[in-house]
Amino acid sequence: MKITFKKALIVIFLGLIIFGFMGYKALMIPNLQDESTTITINIPSGASSISIAEKLTRANLISNANWFRIYTLITKKDREIKSGVYKIKGDWNLIEIVEYLINNNQEVYHHPNKITIPEGLTLEELEKKFLDNKLGTKKEIIKLFYDQAFIKEQLGIKVYSLEGFIYPSTYFYEDDLSFKEFLIKYPLTEFKKAYSDFISDPSFYKQLILASIVEKESGSSQEKPIVASVFNNRLTKQMPLQSCATHNKIFFQRGQKPPKQLLNIHLEIDSPYNTYKNSGLPPTPICSPSKDSFDAVLANHKTDYLYFFADFQGNNVFSKTYNEHNSKKKSYWTNNKIR
């Protein structure tokens, strides 16, 4: 009896050793052991840990699907794995692969499709970008851009269009995602995150409109508070903003390319975006601004400037009076031979 018990203990002990060795090998030893090999794995949205384990096994990246399931279940990492397209190195072990599926910060992650939305794009420019990326049809895009019930439902405010609300960023998104789903899941969600502390303020929309003008008129981030101060000063004095950027919105709406220089005939165009003829802000933002343009408006930086012009080198030249403005402009243009 004692001998049998001792044998049983030996068998159990040997079994634990073998089990431990198998676990160590499955978890810690790369199955391919080939640093020159990279295998692309696509993990669809909603994939179970079982299906992921089987996919990795078929790709020969891990030796045993069960060990993947055991490890991710015990560590609860099965809940953290993200869908997407991953490039996995052949010399990674199972634990390294799992960590990569959870914490990957490389460009190929989350989802296989990518779109970059720069700050400063108008709805008309965004329409083209979405069409180029096959995100919806022209009819679908325009409908949602101007669907006030949809905008109210998503953002909680009643406005004419989504101009200014398509948050600039790079987005990775799933296959077969509708344009509406894309908007809700990505740029509108990011917008709400960025502006959660401000969006319920009654003055928010006017601040966003001004931020969009600052975005288009500024040569650099450092200039934005100064540019914002110029427009705030003009608004306080009930002077027209006289912004070329708001005027350019007229041409975008017409499907035309804005002219390099506004002529007198352009300044007579009858439009609420003509801030040479109309005082105050235009009725909507003129583009999707960056958050730092909005912050520049919010900062309420104080200056005495009322005028500025672009130096065509990425900056603006500011003045307090009209005479000073004209004098600086004439001097600059003469010295730089600009006509």
Protein backbone atom coordinates (compact mmCIF):
# COMPACT_ATOMS: atom_id res chain seq x y z
CA MET A 1 0.00 0.00 0.00
CA LYS A 2 2.79 2.39 0.97
CA ILE A 3 4.69 1.46 -2.18
CA THR A 4 1.62 2.20 -4.32
CA PHE A 5 1.16 5.59 -2.67
CA LYS A 6 4.84 6.42 -3.19
CA LYS A 7 4.55 5.43 -6.86
CA ALA A 8 1.48 7.61 -7.19
CA LEU A 9 3.38 10.55 -5.74
CA ILE A 10 6.25 9.94 -8.15
CA VAL A 11 3.83 9.73 -11.08
CA ILE A 12 2.13 12.99 -9.99
CA PHE A 13 5.50 14.68 -9.49
CA LEU A 14 6.73 13.54 -12.89
CA GLY A 15 3.42 14.60 -14.39
CA LEU A 16 3.81 18.08 -12.90
CA ILE A 17 7.34 18.31 -14.22
CA ILE A 18 6.23 17.26 -17.70
CA PHE A 19 3.22 19.62 -17.54
CA GLY A 20 5.45 22.46 -16.36
CA PHE A 21 7.96 21.78 -19.10
CA MET A 22 5.23 21.66 -21.73
CA GLY A 23 3.77 24.92 -20.40
CA TYR A 24 7.18 26.58 -20.34
CA LYS A 25 7.86 25.46 -23.88
CA ALA A 26 4.43 26.55 -25.15
CA LEU A 27 4.53 29.93 -23.43
CA MET A 28 8.18 30.91 -23.44
CA ILE A 29 9.79 29.26 -26.47
CA PRO A 30 9.01 30.84 -29.88
CA ASN A 31 7.44 28.21 -32.10
CA LEU A 32 9.04 29.41 -35.32
CA GLN A 33 12.28 30.73 -33.79
CA ASP A 34 12.87 32.72 -36.96
CA GLU A 35 13.48 36.45 -36.56
CA SER A 36 13.51 36.98 -40.33
CA THR A 37 9.89 35.85 -40.70
CA THR A 38 6.88 38.16 -40.26
CA ILE A 39 3.36 36.76 -40.53
CA THR A 40 0.29 38.98 -41.02
CA ILE A 41 -2.74 37.96 -38.98
CA ASN A 42 -6.21 39.47 -39.35
CA ILE A 43 -8.35 39.30 -36.19
CA PRO A 44 -11.93 40.30 -37.03
CA SER A 45 -14.12 42.27 -34.67
CA GLY A 46 -15.78 40.03 -32.06
CA ALA A 47 -13.39 37.10 -32.59
CA SER A 48 -13.28 34.65 -29.66
CA SER A 49 -10.07 33.59 -27.95
CA ILE A 50 -10.65 30.09 -29.37
CA SER A 51 -10.76 31.33 -32.97
CA ILE A 52 -7.72 33.56 -32.38
CA ALA A 53 -5.79 30.64 -30.88
CA GLU A 54 -6.67 28.41 -33.81
CA LYS A 55 -5.64 31.10 -36.30
CA LEU A 56 -2.26 31.53 -34.57
CA THR A 57 -1.78 27.75 -34.51
CA ARG A 58 -2.54 27.42 -38.22
CA ALA A 59 0.00 30.17 -38.89
CA ASN A 60 2.52 28.12 -36.87
CA LEU A 61 3.09 31.08 -34.54
CA ILE A 62 2.15 29.02 -31.47
CA SER A 63 2.44 25.29 -30.94
CA ASN A 64 -0.81 24.62 -29.10
CA ALA A 65 -4.12 26.51 -29.13
CA ASN A 66 -5.08 25.22 -25.66
CA TRP A 67 -2.11 26.90 -23.99
CA PHE A 68 -3.13 30.21 -25.58
CA ARG A 69 -6.66 29.80 -24.21
CA ILE A 70 -5.42 28.77 -20.76
CA TYR A 71 -2.95 31.66 -20.49
CA THR A 72 -5.34 34.36 -21.73
CA LEU A 73 -8.19 33.00 -19.56
CA ILE A 74 -6.15 32.88 -16.33
CA THR A 75 -4.66 36.34 -16.91
CA LYS A 76 -8.01 37.70 -18.22
CA LYS A 77 -6.16 39.04 -21.26
CA ASP A 78 -8.69 37.36 -23.55
CA ARG A 79 -10.94 40.39 -22.89
CA GLU A 80 -8.26 42.89 -23.91
CA ILE A 81 -7.24 41.55 -27.33
CA LYS A 82 -8.19 44.04 -30.07
CA SER A 83 -9.41 43.28 -33.55
CA GLY A 84 -7.25 44.32 -36.45
CA VAL A 85 -4.41 43.43 -38.77
CA TYR A 86 -1.16 42.51 -37.03
CA LYS A 87 2.36 41.84 -38.27
CA ILE A 88 3.78 39.20 -35.89
CA LYS A 89 7.48 38.34 -35.77
CA GLY A 90 8.55 34.70 -36.08
CA ASP A 91 10.81 34.88 -33.03
CA TRP A 92 8.09 35.96 -30.56
CA ASN A 93 6.83 33.53 -27.92
CA LEU A 94 3.18 33.12 -26.97
CA ILE A 95 3.33 35.67 -24.13
CA GLU A 96 4.98 38.27 -26.37
CA ILE A 97 2.34 37.68 -29.04
CA VAL A 98 -0.49 38.18 -26.53
CA GLU A 99 1.09 41.40 -25.23
CA TYR A 100 1.43 42.65 -28.81
CA LEU A 101 -2.24 41.93 -29.55
CA ILE A 102 -3.16 44.02 -26.50
CA ASN A 103 -0.62 46.84 -26.46
CA ASN A 104 0.47 47.25 -30.07
CA ASN A 105 1.10 50.93 -30.82
CA GLN A 106 2.40 50.51 -34.34
CA GLU A 107 0.54 51.87 -37.34
CA VAL A 108 -0.90 48.50 -38.36
CA TYR A 109 -3.35 47.91 -35.55
CA HIS A 110 -6.98 47.82 -34.48
CA HIS A 111 -8.43 47.69 -38.00
CA PRO A 112 -7.09 47.23 -41.53
CA ASN A 113 -8.35 50.51 -43.03
CA LYS A 114 -6.81 53.91 -42.40
CA ILE A 115 -7.91 57.48 -43.07
CA THR A 116 -6.12 60.66 -41.99
CA ILE A 117 -8.23 63.77 -41.52
CA PRO A 118 -5.99 66.85 -41.25
CA GLU A 119 -7.18 69.93 -39.40
CA GLY A 120 -8.56 72.74 -41.53
CA LEU A 121 -10.60 70.74 -44.08
CA THR A 122 -14.03 72.00 -45.16
CA LEU A 123 -17.01 69.68 -45.53
CA GLU A 124 -16.54 69.84 -49.28
CA GLU A 125 -12.93 68.66 -48.95
CA LEU A 126 -13.96 66.00 -46.44
CA GLU A 127 -16.62 64.73 -48.83
CA LYS A 128 -13.93 64.05 -51.44
CA LYS A 129 -11.66 62.38 -48.89
CA PHE A 130 -14.43 60.06 -47.71
CA LEU A 131 -15.37 59.19 -51.28
CA ASP A 132 -11.73 58.47 -52.12
CA ASN A 133 -11.62 56.07 -49.15
CA LYS A 134 -14.90 54.46 -50.27
CA LEU A 135 -16.62 55.50 -47.05
CA GLY A 136 -20.17 55.95 -48.27
CA THR A 137 -21.70 57.37 -51.43
CA LYS A 138 -21.95 61.05 -52.29
CA LYS A 139 -25.67 60.97 -51.43
CA GLU A 140 -25.07 59.30 -48.04
CA ILE A 141 -22.25 61.66 -47.10
CA ILE A 142 -24.12 64.86 -47.98
CA LYS A 143 -27.29 63.64 -46.25
CA LEU A 144 -25.49 63.02 -42.95
CA PHE A 145 -23.44 66.22 -43.22
CA TYR A 146 -26.69 68.22 -43.16
CA ASP A 147 -29.00 65.92 -41.16
CA GLN A 148 -29.85 68.19 -38.23
CA ALA A 149 -31.78 65.46 -36.36
CA PHE A 150 -28.75 63.14 -36.60
CA ILE A 151 -26.41 65.93 -35.44
CA LYS A 152 -28.69 66.76 -32.49
CA GLU A 153 -28.85 63.08 -31.53
CA GLN A 154 -25.07 62.64 -31.65
CA LEU A 155 -23.83 65.98 -30.30
CA GLY A 156 -26.75 67.31 -28.30
CA ILE A 157 -26.83 70.68 -30.08
CA LYS A 158 -28.96 72.03 -32.90
CA VAL A 159 -26.77 73.29 -35.74
CA TYR A 160 -27.04 73.54 -39.51
CA SER A 161 -24.34 71.03 -40.47
CA LEU A 162 -21.39 68.93 -39.29
CA GLU A 163 -18.98 71.65 -40.42
CA GLY A 164 -16.39 71.94 -37.65
CA PHE A 165 -17.36 68.71 -35.90
CA ILE A 166 -15.40 66.11 -37.91
CA TYR A 167 -12.53 65.74 -35.44
CA PRO A 168 -9.11 65.81 -37.17
CA SER A 169 -7.09 62.66 -36.51
CA THR A 170 -5.94 59.38 -38.06
CA TYR A 171 -8.53 56.63 -37.80
CA PHE A 172 -8.19 52.87 -38.29
CA TYR A 173 -11.54 51.28 -39.05
CA GLU A 174 -13.14 47.94 -39.86
CA ASP A 175 -14.15 46.52 -43.21
CA ASP A 176 -17.80 46.89 -44.23
CA LEU A 177 -18.38 49.86 -41.92
CA SER A 178 -21.12 52.22 -43.14
CA PHE A 179 -20.40 55.93 -43.33
CA LYS A 180 -22.88 56.61 -40.54
CA GLU A 181 -21.25 53.98 -38.32
CA PHE A 182 -17.82 55.43 -39.08
CA LEU A 183 -18.89 58.95 -38.13
CA ILE A 184 -20.49 57.85 -34.87
CA LYS A 185 -17.73 55.48 -33.81
CA TYR A 186 -14.71 57.60 -34.72
CA PRO A 187 -14.64 61.38 -35.50
CA LEU A 188 -17.82 62.30 -33.60
CA THR A 189 -16.80 60.22 -30.58
CA GLU A 190 -13.36 61.84 -30.59
CA PHE A 191 -14.94 65.27 -30.91
CA LYS A 192 -17.14 64.65 -27.86
CA LYS A 193 -14.14 63.44 -25.88
CA ALA A 194 -12.07 66.51 -26.80
CA TYR A 195 -14.85 69.03 -26.11
CA SER A 196 -16.78 67.32 -23.31
CA ASP A 197 -16.10 70.22 -20.91
CA PHE A 198 -17.32 72.87 -23.36
CA ILE A 199 -20.02 71.51 -25.67
CA SER A 200 -22.94 72.29 -23.34
CA ASP A 201 -21.88 75.94 -22.95
CA PRO A 202 -24.26 78.31 -24.82
CA SER A 203 -21.28 80.15 -26.33
CA PHE A 204 -19.57 76.94 -27.53
CA TYR A 205 -20.72 77.07 -31.15
CA LYS A 206 -19.58 80.67 -31.61
CA GLN A 207 -16.21 79.74 -30.11
CA LEU A 208 -15.96 76.80 -32.53
CA ILE A 209 -16.77 79.11 -35.47
CA LEU A 210 -14.03 81.51 -34.42
CA ALA A 211 -11.62 78.61 -33.86
CA SER A 212 -12.19 77.46 -37.44
CA ILE A 213 -11.28 80.94 -38.72
CA VAL A 214 -8.19 81.03 -36.50
CA GLU A 215 -7.22 77.63 -37.89
CA LYS A 216 -7.26 78.86 -41.48
CA GLU A 217 -5.70 82.27 -40.81
CA SER A 218 -2.79 81.25 -38.56
CA GLY A 219 0.69 80.57 -39.78
CA SER A 220 1.71 78.56 -36.71
CA SER A 221 0.38 77.29 -33.38
CA GLN A 222 2.31 80.04 -31.58
CA GLU A 223 0.43 82.67 -33.60
CA LYS A 224 -3.05 81.34 -32.93
CA PRO A 225 -3.73 83.25 -29.66
CA ILE A 226 -2.64 86.49 -31.38
CA VAL A 227 -4.81 85.83 -34.46
CA ALA A 228 -7.74 85.04 -32.14
CA SER A 229 -7.14 88.34 -30.30
CA VAL A 230 -7.33 90.29 -33.59
CA PHE A 231 -10.73 88.83 -34.44
CA ASN A 232 -12.00 89.26 -30.88
CA ASN A 233 -10.90 92.90 -30.97
CA ARG A 234 -12.71 93.44 -34.26
CA LEU A 235 -15.85 91.76 -32.95
CA THR A 236 -15.76 93.93 -29.81
CA LYS A 237 -15.47 97.09 -31.95
CA GLN A 238 -18.21 95.78 -34.29
CA MET A 239 -15.79 95.85 -37.20
CA PRO A 240 -16.16 93.33 -40.07
CA LEU A 241 -13.76 90.42 -39.66
CA GLN A 242 -12.57 90.83 -43.26
CA SER A 243 -11.29 87.27 -43.36
CA CYS A 244 -10.17 85.78 -46.66
CA ALA A 245 -10.62 82.35 -45.09
CA THR A 246 -14.36 82.82 -44.51
CA HIS A 247 -14.69 84.19 -48.03
CA ASN A 248 -12.99 81.10 -49.45
CA LYS A 249 -15.82 79.00 -47.99
CA ILE A 250 -18.09 80.56 -50.63
CA PHE A 251 -15.98 79.06 -53.42
CA PHE A 252 -15.83 75.65 -51.74
CA GLN A 253 -19.64 75.67 -51.51
CA ARG A 254 -19.81 76.37 -55.23
CA GLY A 255 -17.44 73.52 -56.00
CA GLN A 256 -14.77 75.99 -57.09
CA LYS A 257 -11.16 76.45 -56.09
CA PRO A 258 -10.66 79.68 -54.10
CA PRO A 259 -8.57 82.31 -55.92
CA LYS A 260 -5.04 82.98 -54.71
CA GLN A 261 -5.95 86.61 -54.16
CA LEU A 262 -9.38 88.15 -53.59
CA LEU A 263 -10.32 90.87 -56.08
CA ASN A 264 -12.80 93.70 -55.59
CA ILE A 265 -15.40 91.79 -57.60
CA HIS A 266 -15.11 88.87 -55.16
CA LEU A 267 -15.73 91.16 -52.20
CA GLU A 268 -19.16 92.04 -53.61
CA ILE A 269 -20.44 88.45 -53.53
CA ASP A 270 -23.66 88.23 -51.55
CA SER A 271 -23.08 85.52 -48.94
CA PRO A 272 -23.19 85.25 -45.13
CA TYR A 273 -19.57 84.00 -45.39
CA ASN A 274 -18.51 87.32 -46.95
CA THR A 275 -17.09 88.94 -43.81
CA TYR A 276 -16.00 91.96 -45.82
CA LYS A 277 -19.66 92.93 -46.34
CA ASN A 278 -21.18 91.41 -43.18
CA SER A 279 -20.26 92.12 -39.58
CA GLY A 280 -19.96 89.40 -36.96
CA LEU A 281 -19.20 85.72 -37.33
CA PRO A 282 -20.27 83.61 -40.30
CA PRO A 283 -23.25 81.29 -39.62
CA THR A 284 -21.16 78.10 -39.27
CA PRO A 285 -17.53 77.05 -38.84
CA ILE A 286 -15.60 77.15 -42.11
CA CYS A 287 -13.56 73.98 -41.46
CA SER A 288 -12.72 71.39 -38.80
CA PRO A 289 -10.28 73.16 -36.48
CA SER A 290 -7.62 71.57 -34.32
CA LYS A 291 -8.13 71.61 -30.56
CA ASP A 292 -5.30 74.11 -30.09
CA SER A 293 -7.16 76.62 -32.30
CA PHE A 294 -10.15 76.29 -29.99
CA ASP A 295 -7.86 76.62 -26.96
CA ALA A 296 -6.40 79.79 -28.49
CA VAL A 297 -9.89 81.29 -28.69
CA LEU A 298 -10.67 80.19 -25.16
CA ALA A 299 -7.42 81.70 -23.84
CA ASN A 300 -8.75 85.17 -24.69
CA HIS A 301 -5.24 86.53 -25.20
CA LYS A 302 -5.15 90.34 -24.97
CA THR A 303 -3.49 92.51 -27.63
CA ASP A 304 -4.22 95.85 -29.31
CA TYR A 305 -3.91 94.39 -32.80
CA LEU A 306 -6.71 94.93 -35.30
CA TYR A 307 -4.94 93.99 -38.55
CA PHE A 308 -2.55 91.41 -39.96
CA PHE A 309 -1.32 90.10 -43.29
CA ALA A 310 0.47 86.94 -44.35
CA ASP A 311 4.19 87.18 -45.07
CA PHE A 312 4.00 84.16 -47.44
CA GLN A 313 6.60 82.40 -45.30
CA GLY A 314 4.20 80.79 -42.86
CA ASN A 315 3.71 83.76 -40.52
CA ASN A 316 1.60 86.89 -40.12
CA VAL A 317 2.57 90.53 -39.57
CA PHE A 318 0.35 92.29 -37.00
CA SER A 319 -0.59 95.97 -36.65
CA LYS A 320 -2.64 98.14 -34.29
CA THR A 321 -3.86 100.71 -36.80
CA TYR A 322 -4.86 100.76 -40.44
CA ASN A 323 -2.05 103.19 -41.33
CA GLU A 324 0.51 100.97 -39.60
CA HIS A 325 -0.94 97.95 -41.41
CA ASN A 326 -0.65 99.60 -44.83
CA SER A 327 2.82 100.91 -44.12
CA LYS A 328 4.12 97.48 -43.04
CA LYS A 329 2.45 95.78 -45.98
CA LYS A 330 3.89 98.24 -48.51
CA SER A 331 7.37 97.99 -46.98
CA TYR A 332 7.25 94.20 -46.85
CA TRP A 333 5.99 93.82 -50.40
CA THR A 334 8.59 96.26 -51.73
CA ASN A 335 11.49 94.59 -49.90
CA ASN A 336 10.36 91.13 -50.97
CA LYS A 337 9.31 92.17 -54.50
CA ILE A 338 5.76 90.94 -54.04
CA ARG A 339 3.07 92.36 -56.33
